[in-house]
Amino acid sequence: MYDLPLSGAQKSFLRGLGQRLEPTLQLGREGPTAPFFEALQKLLRTHELVKLRFTGGQARTERAALCATIADEGRCLCVGQVGHTALLYRRHPEAKSRRIELPDATPSGDGP
């Protein structure tokens, strides 16, 4: 799996961004194929956050398993899944090419 640990606040931030996105990738009955993963990699390089729509009538448990498989084989993180949609994220390796600036992972408080 992709090795970027995200805090709960960062995942929540990404899910908030995903609310405004239209699904840019669809997964049908055939499941994840080589062309699917090619499209996923291109979208992750371009946008960093990709909204996936399941269109093949998969069961809830099957969708959860597919998300784990896609995240593992696609070298990205599944930051959220609700119903027939999932959000996949991978930070661009070059700082100047990043489109999404994540909030700090550490809590920002005036604590002791």
C-alpha atoms as a PDB file:
ATOM      1  CA  MET A   1       0.000   0.000   0.000  1.00  0.00           C
ATOM      2  CA  TYR A   2       1.006   3.612  -0.510  1.00  0.00           C
ATOM      3  CA  ASP A   3       3.243   4.756   2.344  1.00  0.00           C
ATOM      4  CA  LEU A   4       1.985   8.200   3.248  1.00  0.00           C
ATOM      5  CA  PRO A   5       0.362   8.176   6.670  1.00  0.00           C
ATOM      6  CA  LEU A   6      -2.474  10.679   6.863  1.00  0.00           C
ATOM      7  CA  SER A   7      -4.045  11.984  10.025  1.00  0.00           C
ATOM      8  CA  GLY A   8      -7.792  11.920  10.523  1.00  0.00           C
ATOM      9  CA  ALA A   9      -7.917  15.679   9.950  1.00  0.00           C
ATOM     10  CA  GLN A  10      -6.077  15.331   6.646  1.00  0.00           C
ATOM     11  CA  LYS A  11      -8.428  12.577   5.470  1.00  0.00           C
ATOM     12  CA  SER A  12     -11.393  14.704   6.507  1.00  0.00           C
ATOM     13  CA  PHE A  13      -9.928  17.635   4.566  1.00  0.00           C
ATOM     14  CA  LEU A  14      -9.574  15.462   1.445  1.00  0.00           C
ATOM     15  CA  ARG A  15     -13.121  14.119   1.804  1.00  0.00           C
ATOM     16  CA  GLY A  16     -14.320  17.727   1.974  1.00  0.00           C
ATOM     17  CA  LEU A  17     -12.535  18.500  -1.281  1.00  0.00           C
ATOM     18  CA  GLY A  18     -14.028  15.362  -2.796  1.00  0.00           C
ATOM     19  CA  GLN A  19     -17.574  16.562  -2.096  1.00  0.00           C
ATOM     20  CA  ARG A  20     -17.259  19.077  -4.924  1.00  0.00           C
ATOM     21  CA  LEU A  21     -15.691  16.659  -7.408  1.00  0.00           C
ATOM     22  CA  GLU A  22     -17.529  14.830 -10.132  1.00  0.00           C
ATOM     23  CA  PRO A  23     -16.507  11.186 -10.564  1.00  0.00           C
ATOM     24  CA  THR A  24     -13.640  11.093 -13.067  1.00  0.00           C
ATOM     25  CA  LEU A  25     -13.185   7.331 -13.155  1.00  0.00           C
ATOM     26  CA  GLN A  26     -15.707   4.503 -13.344  1.00  0.00           C
ATOM     27  CA  LEU A  27     -15.367   0.847 -12.475  1.00  0.00           C
ATOM     28  CA  GLY A  28     -17.789  -1.575 -14.086  1.00  0.00           C
ATOM     29  CA  ARG A  29     -18.478  -5.282 -13.807  1.00  0.00           C
ATOM     30  CA  GLU A  30     -15.172  -6.290 -15.361  1.00  0.00           C
ATOM     31  CA  GLY A  31     -13.354  -4.930 -12.308  1.00  0.00           C
ATOM     32  CA  PRO A  32      -9.993  -3.189 -12.328  1.00  0.00           C
ATOM     33  CA  THR A  33      -8.153  -3.919 -15.574  1.00  0.00           C
ATOM     34  CA  ALA A  34      -4.838  -2.711 -16.981  1.00  0.00           C
ATOM     35  CA  PRO A  35      -6.497   0.234 -18.838  1.00  0.00           C
ATOM     36  CA  PHE A  36      -8.299   1.157 -15.603  1.00  0.00           C
ATOM     37  CA  PHE A  37      -4.996   1.368 -13.708  1.00  0.00           C
ATOM     38  CA  GLU A  38      -3.385   3.354 -16.545  1.00  0.00           C
ATOM     39  CA  ALA A  39      -6.223   5.894 -16.355  1.00  0.00           C
ATOM     40  CA  LEU A  40      -5.977   5.974 -12.552  1.00  0.00           C
ATOM     41  CA  GLN A  41      -2.233   6.697 -12.656  1.00  0.00           C
ATOM     42  CA  LYS A  42      -2.727   9.501 -15.163  1.00  0.00           C
ATOM     43  CA  LEU A  43      -5.493  11.080 -13.068  1.00  0.00           C
ATOM     44  CA  LEU A  44      -3.486  10.797  -9.838  1.00  0.00           C
ATOM     45  CA  ARG A  45      -0.460  12.465 -11.473  1.00  0.00           C
ATOM     46  CA  THR A  46      -2.658  15.273 -12.765  1.00  0.00           C
ATOM     47  CA  HIS A  47      -5.130  15.851  -9.935  1.00  0.00           C
ATOM     48  CA  GLU A  48      -3.835  13.941  -6.852  1.00  0.00           C
ATOM     49  CA  LEU A  49      -7.448  13.331  -5.714  1.00  0.00           C
ATOM     50  CA  VAL A  50      -9.667  11.097  -7.838  1.00  0.00           C
ATOM     51  CA  LYS A  51     -13.336  10.313  -7.339  1.00  0.00           C
ATOM     52  CA  LEU A  52     -14.237   6.779  -8.409  1.00  0.00           C
ATOM     53  CA  ARG A  53     -17.755   5.604  -9.204  1.00  0.00           C
ATOM     54  CA  PHE A  54     -18.706   1.922  -9.022  1.00  0.00           C
ATOM     55  CA  THR A  55     -21.143   1.213 -11.877  1.00  0.00           C
ATOM     56  CA  GLY A  56     -21.153  -2.575 -11.989  1.00  0.00           C
ATOM     57  CA  GLY A  57     -23.676  -3.276  -9.246  1.00  0.00           C
ATOM     58  CA  GLN A  58     -21.077  -4.642  -6.820  1.00  0.00           C
ATOM     59  CA  ALA A  59     -22.206  -5.539  -3.308  1.00  0.00           C
ATOM     60  CA  ARG A  60     -21.106  -3.353  -0.390  1.00  0.00           C
ATOM     61  CA  THR A  61     -18.505  -5.852   0.841  1.00  0.00           C
ATOM     62  CA  GLU A  62     -17.195  -6.318  -2.681  1.00  0.00           C
ATOM     63  CA  ARG A  63     -16.787  -2.541  -3.103  1.00  0.00           C
ATOM     64  CA  ALA A  64     -14.769  -2.347   0.128  1.00  0.00           C
ATOM     65  CA  ALA A  65     -12.492  -5.158  -1.050  1.00  0.00           C
ATOM     66  CA  LEU A  66     -12.114  -3.519  -4.464  1.00  0.00           C
ATOM     67  CA  CYS A  67     -11.108  -0.228  -2.823  1.00  0.00           C
ATOM     68  CA  ALA A  68      -8.360  -2.001  -0.885  1.00  0.00           C
ATOM     69  CA  THR A  69      -7.150  -3.767  -4.043  1.00  0.00           C
ATOM     70  CA  ILE A  70      -7.206  -0.575  -6.105  1.00  0.00           C
ATOM     71  CA  ALA A  71      -5.327   1.365  -3.412  1.00  0.00           C
ATOM     72  CA  ASP A  72      -2.711  -1.373  -3.144  1.00  0.00           C
ATOM     73  CA  GLU A  73      -2.159  -1.947  -6.865  1.00  0.00           C
ATOM     74  CA  GLY A  74      -2.603   1.726  -7.735  1.00  0.00           C
ATOM     75  CA  ARG A  75      -0.073   2.871  -5.090  1.00  0.00           C
ATOM     76  CA  CYS A  76      -2.515   5.331  -3.552  1.00  0.00           C
ATOM     77  CA  LEU A  77      -4.744   5.733  -0.511  1.00  0.00           C
ATOM     78  CA  CYS A  78      -8.486   5.284  -0.302  1.00  0.00           C
ATOM     79  CA  VAL A  79      -9.411   8.245   1.912  1.00  0.00           C
ATOM     80  CA  GLY A  80     -13.135   7.616   1.872  1.00  0.00           C
ATOM     81  CA  GLN A  81     -15.863   5.406   0.518  1.00  0.00           C
ATOM     82  CA  VAL A  82     -19.594   6.056   0.694  1.00  0.00           C
ATOM     83  CA  GLY A  83     -22.107   4.050  -1.263  1.00  0.00           C
ATOM     84  CA  HIS A  84     -21.026   3.716  -4.871  1.00  0.00           C
ATOM     85  CA  THR A  85     -18.228   6.301  -4.719  1.00  0.00           C
ATOM     86  CA  ALA A  86     -14.692   6.267  -3.365  1.00  0.00           C
ATOM     87  CA  LEU A  87     -11.934   8.871  -3.091  1.00  0.00           C
ATOM     88  CA  LEU A  88      -8.364   7.949  -3.960  1.00  0.00           C
ATOM     89  CA  TYR A  89      -5.375  10.141  -3.131  1.00  0.00           C
ATOM     90  CA  ARG A  90      -1.685  10.197  -3.908  1.00  0.00           C
ATOM     91  CA  ARG A  91       0.478  13.221  -3.263  1.00  0.00           C
ATOM     92  CA  HIS A  92       2.581  14.366  -6.198  1.00  0.00           C
ATOM     93  CA  PRO A  93       6.255  13.640  -5.460  1.00  0.00           C
ATOM     94  CA  GLU A  94       7.382  17.092  -6.597  1.00  0.00           C
ATOM     95  CA  ALA A  95       6.381  19.915  -4.267  1.00  0.00           C
ATOM     96  CA  LYS A  96       6.065  22.452  -7.088  1.00  0.00           C
ATOM     97  CA  SER A  97       3.581  20.222  -8.939  1.00  0.00           C
ATOM     98  CA  ARG A  98       1.268  19.599  -5.977  1.00  0.00           C
ATOM     99  CA  ARG A  99      -2.274  20.774  -6.437  1.00  0.00           C
ATOM    100  CA  ILE A 100      -3.462  20.015  -2.902  1.00  0.00           C
ATOM    101  CA  GLU A 101      -1.827  21.458   0.191  1.00  0.00           C
ATOM    102  CA  LEU A 102      -2.681  19.235   3.147  1.00  0.00           C
ATOM    103  CA  PRO A 103      -3.157  20.742   6.607  1.00  0.00           C
ATOM    104  CA  ASP A 104      -0.526  19.871   9.224  1.00  0.00           C
ATOM    105  CA  ALA A 105      -0.786  16.382  10.676  1.00  0.00           C
ATOM    106  CA  THR A 106      -0.194  17.637  14.193  1.00  0.00           C
ATOM    107  CA  PRO A 107      -3.055  19.250  16.111  1.00  0.00           C
ATOM    108  CA  SER A 108      -2.762  23.012  16.274  1.00  0.00           C
ATOM    109  CA  GLY A 109      -3.725  24.113  19.723  1.00  0.00           C
ATOM    110  CA  ASP A 110      -2.527  26.415  22.413  1.00  0.00           C
ATOM    111  CA  GLY A 111      -1.942  23.453  24.716  1.00  0.00           C
ATOM    112  CA  PRO A 112       0.600  23.304  27.505  1.00  0.00           C
END
